[in-house]
PDB file of N, CA and C in Angstrom:
ATOM      1  N   MET A   1       0.851  -1.182   0.000  1.00  0.00           N
ATOM      2  CA  MET A   1       0.000   0.000   0.000  1.00  0.00           C
ATOM      3  C   MET A   1       0.892   1.237   0.000  1.00  0.00           C
ATOM      4  N   SER A   2       0.541   2.187  -0.799  1.00  0.00           N
ATOM      5  CA  SER A   2       1.312   3.422  -0.918  1.00  0.00           C
ATOM      6  C   SER A   2       1.070   4.323   0.284  1.00  0.00           C
ATOM      7  N   ALA A   3       2.124   4.945   0.792  1.00  0.00           N
ATOM      8  CA  ALA A   3       1.990   5.875   1.910  1.00  0.00           C
ATOM      9  C   ALA A   3       1.281   7.155   1.485  1.00  0.00           C
ATOM     10  N   ASP A   4       1.213   7.407   0.177  1.00  0.00           N
ATOM     11  CA  ASP A   4       0.578   8.617  -0.335  1.00  0.00           C
ATOM     12  C   ASP A   4      -0.916   8.444  -0.585  1.00  0.00           C
ATOM     13  N   LYS A   5      -1.461   7.286  -0.295  1.00  0.00           N
ATOM     14  CA  LYS A   5      -2.876   7.012  -0.550  1.00  0.00           C
ATOM     15  C   LYS A   5      -3.753   7.877   0.357  1.00  0.00           C
ATOM     16  N   GLU A   6      -4.719   8.555  -0.239  1.00  0.00           N
ATOM     17  CA  GLU A   6      -5.620   9.427   0.506  1.00  0.00           C
ATOM     18  C   GLU A   6      -6.780   8.613   1.073  1.00  0.00           C
ATOM     19  N   LEU A   7      -7.130   8.877   2.327  1.00  0.00           N
ATOM     20  CA  LEU A   7      -8.218   8.173   2.994  1.00  0.00           C
ATOM     21  C   LEU A   7      -9.553   8.488   2.333  1.00  0.00           C
ATOM     22  N   SER A   8     -10.319   7.452   2.090  1.00  0.00           N
ATOM     23  CA  SER A   8     -11.676   7.583   1.570  1.00  0.00           C
ATOM     24  C   SER A   8     -12.582   6.689   2.412  1.00  0.00           C
ATOM     25  N   VAL A   9     -13.640   7.268   2.987  1.00  0.00           N
ATOM     26  CA  VAL A   9     -14.582   6.522   3.822  1.00  0.00           C
ATOM     27  C   VAL A   9     -15.959   6.616   3.186  1.00  0.00           C
ATOM     28  N   GLU A  10     -16.613   5.461   3.036  1.00  0.00           N
ATOM     29  CA  GLU A  10     -17.942   5.416   2.430  1.00  0.00           C
ATOM     30  C   GLU A  10     -18.895   4.715   3.389  1.00  0.00           C
ATOM     31  N   ILE A  11     -20.018   5.365   3.715  1.00  0.00           N
ATOM     32  CA  ILE A  11     -21.039   4.743   4.549  1.00  0.00           C
ATOM     33  C   ILE A  11     -21.857   3.811   3.667  1.00  0.00           C
ATOM     34  N   TYR A  12     -21.919   2.534   4.048  1.00  0.00           N
ATOM     35  CA  TYR A  12     -22.691   1.541   3.300  1.00  0.00           C
ATOM     36  C   TYR A  12     -24.137   1.496   3.769  1.00  0.00           C
ATOM     37  N   SER A  13     -24.334   1.636   5.084  1.00  0.00           N
ATOM     38  CA  SER A  13     -25.673   1.481   5.645  1.00  0.00           C
ATOM     39  C   SER A  13     -25.742   2.198   6.983  1.00  0.00           C
ATOM     40  N   GLU A  14     -26.941   2.632   7.348  1.00  0.00           N
ATOM     41  CA  GLU A  14     -27.162   3.213   8.670  1.00  0.00           C
ATOM     42  C   GLU A  14     -28.577   2.896   9.110  1.00  0.00           C
ATOM     43  N   SER A  15     -28.757   2.785  10.424  1.00  0.00           N
ATOM     44  CA  SER A  15     -30.057   2.396  10.949  1.00  0.00           C
ATOM     45  C   SER A  15     -30.156   2.778  12.415  1.00  0.00           C
ATOM     46  N   ASN A  16     -31.388   2.883  12.917  1.00  0.00           N
ATOM     47  CA  ASN A  16     -31.620   3.057  14.344  1.00  0.00           C
ATOM     48  C   ASN A  16     -31.572   1.696  15.018  1.00  0.00           C
ATOM     49  N   LEU A  17     -31.039   1.670  16.232  1.00  0.00           N
ATOM     50  CA  LEU A  17     -30.960   0.448  17.019  1.00  0.00           C
ATOM     51  C   LEU A  17     -31.576   0.721  18.392  1.00  0.00           C
ATOM     52  N   PRO A  18     -32.868   0.408  18.567  1.00  0.00           N
ATOM     53  CA  PRO A  18     -33.497   0.633  19.868  1.00  0.00           C
ATOM     54  C   PRO A  18     -33.029  -0.420  20.881  1.00  0.00           C
ATOM     55  N   THR A  19     -32.650   0.046  22.076  1.00  0.00           N
ATOM     56  CA  THR A  19     -32.235  -0.852  23.155  1.00  0.00           C
ATOM     57  C   THR A  19     -32.894  -0.389  24.445  1.00  0.00           C
ATOM     58  N   ARG A  20     -32.736  -1.143  25.504  1.00  0.00           N
ATOM     59  CA  ARG A  20     -33.287  -0.730  26.799  1.00  0.00           C
ATOM     60  C   ARG A  20     -32.536   0.479  27.364  1.00  0.00           C
ATOM     61  N   HIS A  21     -31.384   0.803  26.779  1.00  0.00           N
ATOM     62  CA  HIS A  21     -30.579   1.952  27.204  1.00  0.00           C
ATOM     63  C   HIS A  21     -30.832   3.181  26.340  1.00  0.00           C
ATOM     64  N   GLY A  22     -31.789   3.086  25.435  1.00  0.00           N
ATOM     65  CA  GLY A  22     -32.093   4.183  24.525  1.00  0.00           C
ATOM     66  C   GLY A  22     -31.830   3.767  23.087  1.00  0.00           C
ATOM     67  N   THR A  23     -32.094   4.685  22.179  1.00  0.00           N
ATOM     68  CA  THR A  23     -31.898   4.406  20.761  1.00  0.00           C
ATOM     69  C   THR A  23     -30.511   4.858  20.319  1.00  0.00           C
ATOM     70  N   PHE A  24     -29.809   3.973  19.665  1.00  0.00           N
ATOM     71  CA  PHE A  24     -28.491   4.246  19.119  1.00  0.00           C
ATOM     72  C   PHE A  24     -28.604   4.336  17.602  1.00  0.00           C
ATOM     73  N   ARG A  25     -27.647   4.977  16.983  1.00  0.00           N
ATOM     74  CA  ARG A  25     -27.557   5.022  15.526  1.00  0.00           C
ATOM     75  C   ARG A  25     -26.376   4.139  15.141  1.00  0.00           C
ATOM     76  N   VAL A  26     -26.592   3.223  14.209  1.00  0.00           N
ATOM     77  CA  VAL A  26     -25.561   2.281  13.780  1.00  0.00           C
ATOM     78  C   VAL A  26     -25.152   2.611  12.351  1.00  0.00           C
ATOM     79  N   TYR A  27     -23.850   2.693  12.114  1.00  0.00           N
ATOM     80  CA  TYR A  27     -23.305   2.984  10.781  1.00  0.00           C
ATOM     81  C   TYR A  27     -22.353   1.865  10.379  1.00  0.00           C
ATOM     82  N   VAL A  28     -22.526   1.352   9.175  1.00  0.00           N
ATOM     83  CA  VAL A  28     -21.577   0.407   8.587  1.00  0.00           C
ATOM     84  C   VAL A  28     -20.838   1.173   7.502  1.00  0.00           C
ATOM     85  N   PHE A  29     -19.512   1.179   7.585  1.00  0.00           N
ATOM     86  CA  PHE A  29     -18.744   1.936   6.606  1.00  0.00           C
ATOM     87  C   PHE A  29     -17.495   1.174   6.186  1.00  0.00           C
ATOM     88  N   HIS A  30     -16.911   1.610   5.101  1.00  0.00           N
ATOM     89  CA  HIS A  30     -15.718   0.987   4.522  1.00  0.00           C
ATOM     90  C   HIS A  30     -14.684   2.075   4.291  1.00  0.00           C
ATOM     91  N   ASN A  31     -13.429   1.762   4.561  1.00  0.00           N
ATOM     92  CA  ASN A  31     -12.368   2.708   4.192  1.00  0.00           C
ATOM     93  C   ASN A  31     -11.367   2.008   3.286  1.00  0.00           C
ATOM     94  N   ASN A  32     -10.737   2.784   2.446  1.00  0.00           N
ATOM     95  CA  ASN A  32      -9.842   2.231   1.434  1.00  0.00           C
ATOM     96  C   ASN A  32      -8.432   1.936   1.955  1.00  0.00           C
ATOM     97  N   LEU A  33      -8.096   2.360   3.159  1.00  0.00           N
ATOM     98  CA  LEU A  33      -6.735   2.129   3.658  1.00  0.00           C
ATOM     99  C   LEU A  33      -6.526   0.692   4.123  1.00  0.00           C
ATOM    100  N   ASP A  34      -7.519   0.123   4.827  1.00  0.00           N
ATOM    101  CA  ASP A  34      -7.378  -1.275   5.254  1.00  0.00           C
ATOM    102  C   ASP A  34      -8.323  -2.207   4.497  1.00  0.00           C
ATOM    103  N   ASP A  35      -9.165  -1.639   3.624  1.00  0.00           N
ATOM    104  CA  ASP A  35     -10.084  -2.406   2.772  1.00  0.00           C
ATOM    105  C   ASP A  35     -10.984  -3.329   3.587  1.00  0.00           C
ATOM    106  N   LYS A  36     -11.491  -2.803   4.731  1.00  0.00           N
ATOM    107  CA  LYS A  36     -12.378  -3.574   5.607  1.00  0.00           C
ATOM    108  C   LYS A  36     -13.633  -2.770   5.907  1.00  0.00           C
ATOM    109  N   GLU A  37     -14.674  -3.492   6.320  1.00  0.00           N
ATOM    110  CA  GLU A  37     -15.883  -2.837   6.790  1.00  0.00           C
ATOM    111  C   GLU A  37     -15.752  -2.617   8.297  1.00  0.00           C
ATOM    112  N   HIS A  38     -16.379  -1.540   8.776  1.00  0.00           N
ATOM    113  CA  HIS A  38     -16.342  -1.192  10.193  1.00  0.00           C
ATOM    114  C   HIS A  38     -17.744  -0.843  10.649  1.00  0.00           C
ATOM    115  N   LEU A  39     -17.971  -0.908  11.952  1.00  0.00           N
ATOM    116  CA  LEU A  39     -19.270  -0.607  12.540  1.00  0.00           C
ATOM    117  C   LEU A  39     -19.082   0.458  13.608  1.00  0.00           C
ATOM    118  N   ALA A  40     -19.895   1.502  13.540  1.00  0.00           N
ATOM    119  CA  ALA A  40     -19.889   2.537  14.571  1.00  0.00           C
ATOM    120  C   ALA A  40     -21.267   2.553  15.215  1.00  0.00           C
ATOM    121  N   ILE A  41     -21.310   2.513  16.548  1.00  0.00           N
ATOM    122  CA  ILE A  41     -22.558   2.601  17.299  1.00  0.00           C
ATOM    123  C   ILE A  41     -22.516   3.926  18.041  1.00  0.00           C
ATOM    124  N   VAL A  42     -23.481   4.820  17.730  1.00  0.00           N
ATOM    125  CA  VAL A  42     -23.438   6.198  18.206  1.00  0.00           C
ATOM    126  C   VAL A  42     -24.654   6.481  19.077  1.00  0.00           C
ATOM    127  N   LYS A  43     -24.423   7.099  20.230  1.00  0.00           N
ATOM    128  CA  LYS A  43     -25.496   7.550  21.118  1.00  0.00           C
ATOM    129  C   LYS A  43     -25.383   9.056  21.245  1.00  0.00           C
ATOM    130  N   GLY A  44     -26.432   9.772  20.898  1.00  0.00           N
ATOM    131  CA  GLY A  44     -26.413  11.231  20.979  1.00  0.00           C
ATOM    132  C   GLY A  44     -25.893  11.854  19.703  1.00  0.00           C
ATOM    133  N   ASP A  45     -25.593  13.151  19.803  1.00  0.00           N
ATOM    134  CA  ASP A  45     -25.155  13.895  18.614  1.00  0.00           C
ATOM    135  C   ASP A  45     -23.686  13.738  18.328  1.00  0.00           C
TER     136      ASP A  45
END
């Protein structure tokens, strides 16, 4: 992998995730540096 490669992040999917602790926002995204999918679970703004 080239050290000069610019980071690119693409959101594949997002959804609300209701739990007993409140509603979270879930994001599935991919970045080009490690060529993997990632999951972010967000509470609040």
